[in-house]
Protein backbone atom coordinates (compact mmCIF):
# COMPACT_ATOMS: atom_id res chain seq x y z
CA MET A 1 -23.97 -18.40 -6.95
CA GLY A 2 -21.28 -20.13 -8.92
CA SER A 3 -20.24 -23.69 -7.73
CA LEU A 4 -16.90 -23.67 -5.91
CA GLU A 5 -14.54 -26.28 -6.99
CA SER A 6 -12.29 -28.22 -4.68
CA GLU A 7 -9.31 -27.15 -6.45
CA ARG A 8 -7.97 -25.55 -9.50
CA SER A 9 -4.68 -24.82 -11.49
CA VAL A 10 -3.94 -21.26 -12.10
CA THR A 11 -0.65 -19.45 -13.50
CA GLY A 12 1.01 -16.67 -11.74
CA TYR A 13 4.09 -14.93 -12.03
CA ALA A 14 6.68 -16.13 -9.40
CA ALA A 15 10.05 -15.56 -7.86
CA LYS A 16 11.89 -18.97 -7.49
CA ASP A 17 14.80 -17.43 -5.40
CA SER A 18 16.26 -14.54 -3.80
CA SER A 19 17.62 -12.87 -7.61
CA GLY A 20 13.83 -11.80 -7.45
CA HIS A 21 13.35 -12.82 -11.44
CA LEU A 22 9.65 -13.52 -11.92
CA SER A 23 8.44 -15.98 -14.41
CA PRO A 24 5.63 -18.15 -15.10
CA TYR A 25 4.35 -20.62 -12.29
CA SER A 26 1.62 -22.92 -12.13
CA TYR A 27 0.04 -23.92 -8.95
CA THR A 28 -3.16 -24.91 -7.22
CA LEU A 29 -5.48 -22.36 -5.21
CA ARG A 30 -6.56 -23.65 -1.51
CA THR A 31 -10.16 -25.20 -1.55
CA PRO A 32 -12.51 -22.46 -1.46
CA GLY A 33 -14.99 -22.19 1.70
CA PRO A 34 -18.40 -21.20 2.50
CA GLU A 35 -17.21 -17.48 3.25
CA ASP A 36 -14.76 -17.32 0.40
CA VAL A 37 -14.68 -15.01 -2.75
CA VAL A 38 -13.04 -16.25 -5.88
CA LEU A 39 -12.11 -13.55 -8.11
CA ARG A 40 -10.36 -12.96 -11.46
CA VAL A 41 -7.62 -10.71 -11.34
CA ILE A 42 -7.80 -7.63 -13.60
CA TYR A 43 -5.14 -5.27 -12.20
CA CYS A 44 -2.35 -5.46 -9.60
CA GLY A 45 -0.05 -2.69 -8.45
CA ILE A 46 3.38 -3.15 -7.66
CA CYS A 47 4.72 -1.91 -4.20
CA HIS A 48 8.31 -1.58 -2.87
CA THR A 49 7.26 -4.12 -0.55
CA ASP A 50 7.18 -6.65 -3.47
CA LEU A 51 10.66 -5.79 -4.16
CA HIS A 52 11.93 -6.41 -0.90
CA GLN A 53 9.96 -9.66 -0.39
CA THR A 54 11.14 -11.11 -3.77
CA ARG A 55 14.78 -10.54 -3.45
CA ASN A 56 14.68 -11.54 0.73
CA ASP A 57 15.58 -8.53 1.72
CA MET A 58 14.10 -9.01 5.17
CA GLY A 59 15.34 -12.65 5.47
CA MET A 60 11.99 -14.37 5.57
CA SER A 61 11.19 -15.08 1.94
CA ASN A 62 9.78 -18.49 0.86
CA TYR A 63 9.69 -19.56 -2.58
CA PRO A 64 8.15 -19.87 -5.16
CA MET A 65 6.55 -16.61 -4.28
CA VAL A 66 3.68 -14.86 -6.51
CA PRO A 67 3.87 -10.99 -5.15
CA GLY A 68 1.03 -8.66 -5.54
CA HIS A 69 -1.19 -7.14 -2.80
CA GLU A 70 -2.99 -4.15 -4.75
CA VAL A 71 -5.28 -6.57 -6.36
CA VAL A 72 -8.55 -5.37 -8.17
CA GLY A 73 -10.30 -8.02 -9.79
CA VAL A 74 -13.98 -9.17 -10.65
CA VAL A 75 -16.15 -11.77 -8.54
CA THR A 76 -16.62 -15.08 -10.32
CA GLU A 77 -17.81 -17.15 -7.79
CA ILE A 78 -19.00 -16.94 -4.07
CA GLY A 79 -19.42 -19.25 -1.24
CA LYS A 80 -22.80 -20.20 0.30
CA GLU A 81 -22.28 -17.85 3.23
CA VAL A 82 -21.11 -14.75 1.43
CA GLU A 83 -23.28 -12.07 1.81
CA LYS A 84 -21.36 -8.73 0.92
CA PHE A 85 -20.62 -9.66 -2.66
CA LYS A 86 -22.16 -10.80 -5.97
CA ILE A 87 -21.06 -12.32 -9.03
CA GLY A 88 -19.85 -9.51 -11.55
CA GLU A 89 -18.86 -7.16 -8.77
CA HIS A 90 -15.76 -5.21 -9.17
CA VAL A 91 -13.60 -5.84 -5.67
CA GLY A 92 -10.20 -4.98 -4.22
CA VAL A 93 -7.68 -7.22 -2.16
CA GLY A 94 -4.91 -5.71 -0.23
CA CYS A 95 -2.07 -6.87 2.34
CA ILE A 96 -3.73 -9.20 4.24
CA VAL A 97 -6.17 -12.09 3.68
CA GLY A 98 -6.58 -13.44 7.05
CA SER A 99 -6.80 -13.02 10.85
CA CYS A 100 -7.58 -14.85 13.95
CA LYS A 101 -11.04 -12.65 14.21
CA SER A 102 -11.23 -13.02 17.95
CA CYS A 103 -8.23 -10.81 19.31
CA LYS A 104 -8.36 -7.50 20.47
CA ALA A 105 -7.41 -6.23 17.26
CA CYS A 106 -9.73 -7.94 15.50
CA SER A 107 -12.62 -7.13 17.89
CA GLY A 108 -11.56 -3.56 17.48
CA LYS A 109 -11.52 -3.65 13.68
CA VAL A 110 -7.85 -3.13 13.42
CA GLU A 111 -7.03 -6.54 12.26
CA GLN A 112 -4.08 -5.56 10.37
CA TYR A 113 -2.45 -5.58 13.83
CA CYS A 114 -3.65 -9.23 14.64
CA ASN A 115 -0.60 -11.09 15.70
CA LYS A 116 -2.25 -14.08 13.62
CA ARG A 117 -2.52 -11.84 10.33
CA ILE A 118 -1.98 -13.67 7.16
CA TRP A 119 -0.21 -11.94 4.37
CA THR A 120 -1.59 -11.80 1.22
CA TYR A 121 1.36 -13.69 -0.22
CA ASN A 122 4.84 -15.25 1.47
CA ASP A 123 2.64 -16.61 4.04
CA VAL A 124 0.41 -19.92 4.87
CA TYR A 125 -3.27 -20.31 5.72
CA PRO A 126 -4.19 -22.27 8.99
CA ASP A 127 -4.28 -25.44 6.68
CA GLY A 128 -0.45 -25.00 5.57
CA LYS A 129 -1.30 -24.15 1.90
CA PRO A 130 1.13 -21.15 1.06
CA THR A 131 -0.60 -17.95 -0.03
CA GLN A 132 0.02 -16.11 -3.36
CA GLY A 133 -0.91 -12.91 -4.49
CA GLY A 134 -2.03 -11.19 -7.19
CA PHE A 135 0.59 -11.25 -10.01
CA ALA A 136 -1.85 -14.41 -11.02
CA SER A 137 -5.09 -14.83 -12.92
CA THR A 138 -7.28 -15.74 -9.83
CA MET A 139 -7.42 -15.39 -6.12
CA VAL A 140 -9.45 -16.99 -3.43
CA VAL A 141 -10.18 -14.59 -0.49
CA ASP A 142 -12.29 -14.73 2.78
CA GLN A 143 -14.98 -12.09 2.19
CA MET A 144 -13.76 -10.29 5.57
CA PHE A 145 -10.78 -9.18 3.41
CA VAL A 146 -12.30 -8.08 0.24
CA VAL A 147 -13.79 -4.48 -0.40
CA HIS A 148 -15.82 -3.01 -3.10
CA ILE A 149 -14.44 -0.67 -5.77
CA PRO A 150 -16.76 2.42 -6.30
CA GLU A 151 -18.20 2.49 -9.67
CA ASN A 152 -16.87 5.68 -10.43
CA LEU A 153 -13.42 4.95 -9.59
CA PRO A 154 -11.57 3.62 -12.49
CA LEU A 155 -10.21 0.05 -11.83
CA GLU A 156 -6.41 0.75 -12.60
CA GLN A 157 -6.54 3.97 -10.13
CA ALA A 158 -7.94 1.63 -7.52
CA ALA A 159 -5.06 -0.69 -7.19
CA PRO A 160 -2.31 1.62 -5.59
CA LEU A 161 -5.18 2.75 -3.13
CA LEU A 162 -5.15 -0.85 -1.61
CA CYS A 163 -1.83 -0.51 0.12
CA ALA A 164 -0.43 2.94 -0.74
CA GLY A 165 -3.45 5.18 -0.43
CA VAL A 166 -4.85 3.15 2.74
CA THR A 167 -1.37 3.63 4.10
CA VAL A 168 -1.71 7.41 4.16
CA TYR A 169 -5.25 7.81 4.87
CA SER A 170 -5.60 5.74 8.05
CA PRO A 171 -2.87 7.75 9.95
CA MET A 172 -4.28 10.80 8.93
CA LYS A 173 -7.77 9.67 10.19
CA HIS A 174 -6.28 8.01 13.46
CA PHE A 175 -3.88 11.08 14.52
CA GLY A 176 -6.65 13.68 14.08
CA MET A 177 -5.48 14.85 10.65
CA ALA A 178 -8.99 14.56 8.98
CA GLU A 179 -10.29 17.88 10.01
CA PRO A 180 -8.69 20.41 7.21
CA GLY A 181 -6.26 23.18 8.00
CA LYS A 182 -3.23 21.74 9.18
CA ARG A 183 0.17 21.98 7.87
CA CYS A 184 1.37 18.75 6.62
CA GLY A 185 4.67 17.37 5.57
CA ILE A 186 5.10 14.51 3.08
CA LEU A 187 8.77 13.31 3.52
CA GLY A 188 9.87 11.10 0.31
CA LEU A 189 7.93 11.45 -2.79
CA GLY A 190 7.45 7.79 -4.23
CA GLY A 191 4.73 5.59 -4.71
CA VAL A 192 3.21 6.28 -1.14
CA GLY A 193 4.34 9.95 -0.81
CA HIS A 194 2.52 10.96 -4.26
CA VAL A 195 -0.59 9.60 -3.20
CA GLY A 196 -0.09 11.28 0.52
CA VAL A 197 0.09 14.80 -1.24
CA LYS A 198 -3.09 14.12 -2.99
CA ILE A 199 -5.20 12.64 -0.06
CA ALA A 200 -3.58 15.46 2.26
CA LYS A 201 -4.92 17.93 -0.12
CA ALA A 202 -8.18 16.29 -0.36
CA PHE A 203 -8.53 16.69 3.38
CA GLY A 204 -7.69 20.35 2.89
CA HIS A 205 -4.23 20.70 4.38
CA HIS A 206 -1.36 22.95 3.35
CA VAL A 207 1.19 20.31 1.94
CA THR A 208 4.87 20.49 1.82
CA VAL A 209 6.93 17.70 0.20
CA ILE A 210 10.31 17.28 1.66
CA SER A 211 12.72 15.63 -0.81
CA SER A 212 16.75 15.64 -0.66
CA SER A 213 16.97 17.49 -4.08
CA ASN A 214 15.15 19.71 -6.31
CA ARG A 215 14.60 16.89 -8.85
CA LYS A 216 10.93 16.77 -8.20
CA ARG A 217 9.80 19.96 -7.49
CA GLU A 218 7.94 20.68 -10.64
CA GLU A 219 5.95 17.76 -10.25
CA ALA A 220 5.15 18.07 -6.89
CA LEU A 221 3.86 21.67 -7.25
CA GLY A 222 2.74 21.77 -10.87
CA VAL A 223 1.27 18.05 -11.12
CA LEU A 224 0.27 16.89 -7.83
CA GLY A 225 -0.80 20.03 -6.24
CA ALA A 226 1.62 20.29 -3.40
CA ASP A 227 1.82 23.99 -1.74
CA ALA A 228 5.42 23.89 -1.04
CA TYR A 229 8.69 22.07 -1.67
CA LEU A 230 11.58 21.88 0.78
CA VAL A 231 15.00 20.47 0.02
CA SER A 232 16.28 18.75 3.08
CA ASN A 233 20.03 19.17 2.04
CA ASP A 234 19.36 22.84 2.00
CA ALA A 235 20.51 24.09 5.29
CA VAL A 236 19.00 27.65 4.90
CA GLN A 237 15.72 26.24 3.92
CA MET A 238 15.57 23.88 6.55
CA GLN A 239 16.27 26.66 9.26
CA GLU A 240 13.67 28.87 7.82
CA ALA A 241 11.03 25.79 7.95
CA ALA A 242 11.80 25.23 11.53
CA GLU A 243 8.69 24.42 13.59
CA SER A 244 6.39 25.08 10.84
CA LEU A 245 4.59 21.68 10.45
CA ASP A 246 1.84 20.00 12.36
CA PHE A 247 2.92 16.59 11.27
CA ILE A 248 4.89 14.87 8.70
CA LEU A 249 4.05 11.31 6.96
CA ASP A 250 7.62 9.51 6.81
CA THR A 251 7.46 7.53 3.34
CA VAL A 252 11.00 6.84 2.83
CA PRO A 253 11.67 2.90 2.89
CA ALA A 254 15.35 3.24 3.58
CA ASN A 255 17.81 4.33 6.46
CA HIS A 256 17.81 8.06 7.16
CA PRO A 257 18.36 10.52 10.00
CA LEU A 258 15.35 11.70 11.71
CA GLU A 259 16.95 14.80 13.51
CA PRO A 260 16.26 17.10 10.44
CA TYR A 261 12.65 16.34 10.08
CA LEU A 262 11.93 16.64 13.75
CA SER A 263 13.13 19.99 14.13
CA LEU A 264 10.45 20.91 11.41
CA LEU A 265 7.64 19.99 13.49
CA LYS A 266 5.81 22.57 15.92
CA ILE A 267 4.98 22.07 19.37
CA ASN A 268 2.98 18.44 19.90
CA GLY A 269 3.98 17.86 16.28
CA LYS A 270 3.92 14.28 15.16
CA LEU A 271 6.52 12.44 12.64
CA ILE A 272 4.50 9.09 11.43
CA MET A 273 6.70 6.58 10.19
CA LEU A 274 5.08 4.63 7.11
CA GLY A 275 8.33 3.27 5.38
CA VAL A 276 9.46 -0.22 6.29
CA VAL A 277 13.16 0.16 7.01
CA PRO A 278 15.32 -2.79 7.98
CA GLU A 279 17.70 -0.88 9.84
CA PRO A 280 17.89 1.19 13.22
CA LEU A 281 16.86 4.84 12.78
CA HIS A 282 18.67 7.30 15.14
CA PHE A 283 17.54 10.60 16.86
CA VAL A 284 18.35 12.63 19.80
CA SER A 285 16.08 13.08 22.55
CA PRO A 286 15.95 16.64 23.18
CA LEU A 287 14.53 17.31 19.68
CA LEU A 288 11.39 15.17 21.08
CA ILE A 289 11.38 16.60 24.69
CA LEU A 290 11.79 20.02 23.99
CA GLY A 291 8.61 20.41 21.71
CA ARG A 292 6.71 17.66 23.29
CA ARG A 293 6.74 16.09 19.76
CA SER A 294 6.49 12.30 19.31
CA ILE A 295 7.27 9.81 16.77
CA ALA A 296 4.67 7.12 15.80
CA GLY A 297 4.25 4.29 13.37
CA SER A 298 1.31 3.19 11.15
CA PHE A 299 0.77 -0.09 9.42
CA ILE A 300 -1.58 -0.04 6.37
CA GLY A 301 -4.98 0.43 7.43
CA SER A 302 -8.36 -1.74 8.57
CA MET A 303 -10.53 -3.38 6.00
CA GLU A 304 -12.81 -0.51 7.13
CA GLU A 305 -10.53 1.97 6.42
CA THR A 306 -9.43 0.37 3.17
CA GLN A 307 -13.22 0.98 2.18
CA GLU A 308 -13.26 4.09 3.33
CA THR A 309 -10.21 5.07 1.58
CA LEU A 310 -11.72 3.72 -1.78
CA ASN A 311 -14.97 5.71 -1.20
CA PHE A 312 -13.20 9.01 -0.23
CA CYS A 313 -11.02 8.92 -3.14
CA ALA A 314 -14.01 8.03 -5.58
CA ASP A 315 -15.73 10.95 -3.93
CA LYS A 316 -12.73 13.38 -3.91
CA LYS A 317 -11.82 12.45 -7.64
CA VAL A 318 -8.25 11.76 -6.02
CA SER A 319 -6.38 9.87 -8.80
CA CYS A 320 -2.96 8.51 -8.64
CA GLN A 321 -0.24 8.86 -11.03
CA ILE A 322 0.38 5.49 -12.59
CA GLU A 323 2.21 3.69 -15.56
CA VAL A 324 0.06 0.49 -16.72
CA VAL A 325 2.35 -2.09 -17.72
CA GLY A 326 1.86 -5.98 -18.93
CA MET A 327 3.04 -8.92 -17.08
CA GLU A 328 5.88 -9.41 -19.82
CA TYR A 329 7.17 -6.12 -18.32
CA LEU A 330 6.92 -7.24 -14.72
CA ASN A 331 10.86 -7.66 -14.42
CA ASP A 332 11.84 -4.36 -16.17
CA ALA A 333 9.16 -2.59 -13.65
CA MET A 334 10.94 -4.04 -10.61
CA GLU A 335 14.34 -2.89 -11.78
CA ARG A 336 13.23 0.37 -12.34
CA LEU A 337 11.31 0.66 -9.09
CA GLU A 338 14.68 -0.11 -7.43
CA LYS A 339 15.96 2.86 -9.26
CA ASN A 340 12.73 5.20 -8.44
CA ASP A 341 12.52 5.13 -12.07
CA VAL A 342 8.69 5.50 -12.13
CA ARG A 343 6.15 8.38 -11.47
CA TYR A 344 4.71 7.17 -9.17
CA ARG A 345 3.21 3.54 -9.28
CA PHE A 346 3.20 0.71 -11.34
CA VAL A 347 0.03 -1.07 -12.39
CA VAL A 348 0.17 -4.62 -14.08
CA ASP A 349 -2.72 -5.09 -16.42
CA VAL A 350 -3.18 -8.91 -15.60
CA ALA A 351 -6.21 -9.47 -17.41
CA ALA A 352 -4.70 -8.79 -20.42
CA SER A 353 -2.16 -11.18 -20.18
CA ASN A 354 -4.58 -14.01 -20.56
CA LEU A 355 -2.50 -16.11 -17.94
CA ASP A 356 -4.54 -19.30 -18.02
CA LYS A 357 -4.48 -19.74 -21.92
């Protein structure tokens, strides 16, 4: 095994204030422990959450902040108690890098709901060291929060699955959607929504994309493989589609009314909230009561589900629509993401940037 140094200096791209502008930043990693994996970052996806956090949209950002939580890398060193991974293996890291490991959530293998979970960035370790994400050359991560990348899954394709992918896979599995033949709605066709279409189709569902305009119709049907496309601003279309869906995955990360979409659900239908919306959402209760419908939420997925997502997508040959960019393009990518000008996920080629040289 590689020898673990006490500390090492690395370079990443960090936001220094709420402008969100990212620039080179050198810092020291935390001291690796016996259960830690040291990985050299190869790729890192860009998530809408990165935009929110760097710009302090949630009011909880700490700077300097190195974002990035869809991290793909190669193991360079391992602690003496690491048994799951070997040097040279390709691995992934998602949204969290720690938890208490003893609460009900952790013992139930849903550690993403642990009240003491540690975010991959914009958080602190128990020793007070700040966490920094995957827009950097190197990371140190507890082996419990690292997953294997299947050999037949391209590394750049794996990155979006570590957040966007597991975010849609987890609720499908939990809410009984792993069996084929359901009628599924995907509300919002962005980074998460487009993966939702692909995974829902791989599960064998009839998939309807719901969007506010016709702008993405051709891509949804012709490229992503959706079965139907519904324009939410078209009252006639919405009326014709009433009570036709078993469930809807709501991926929209902005304030929006829920009533139009609740009316699309069959009796016992479920609207599952996946997008982070920092404002109250509104609906009228009869739309739930008169159809025994429900609104639920789901947050990313467990480490077990993250590995399942990667394995599932590798087996079913599910691919994401990505645009690979260099570190020097990060700020442009963030601006484009804010304008929804990406089809459908940016992936940063971190290794090509040779950050520590």
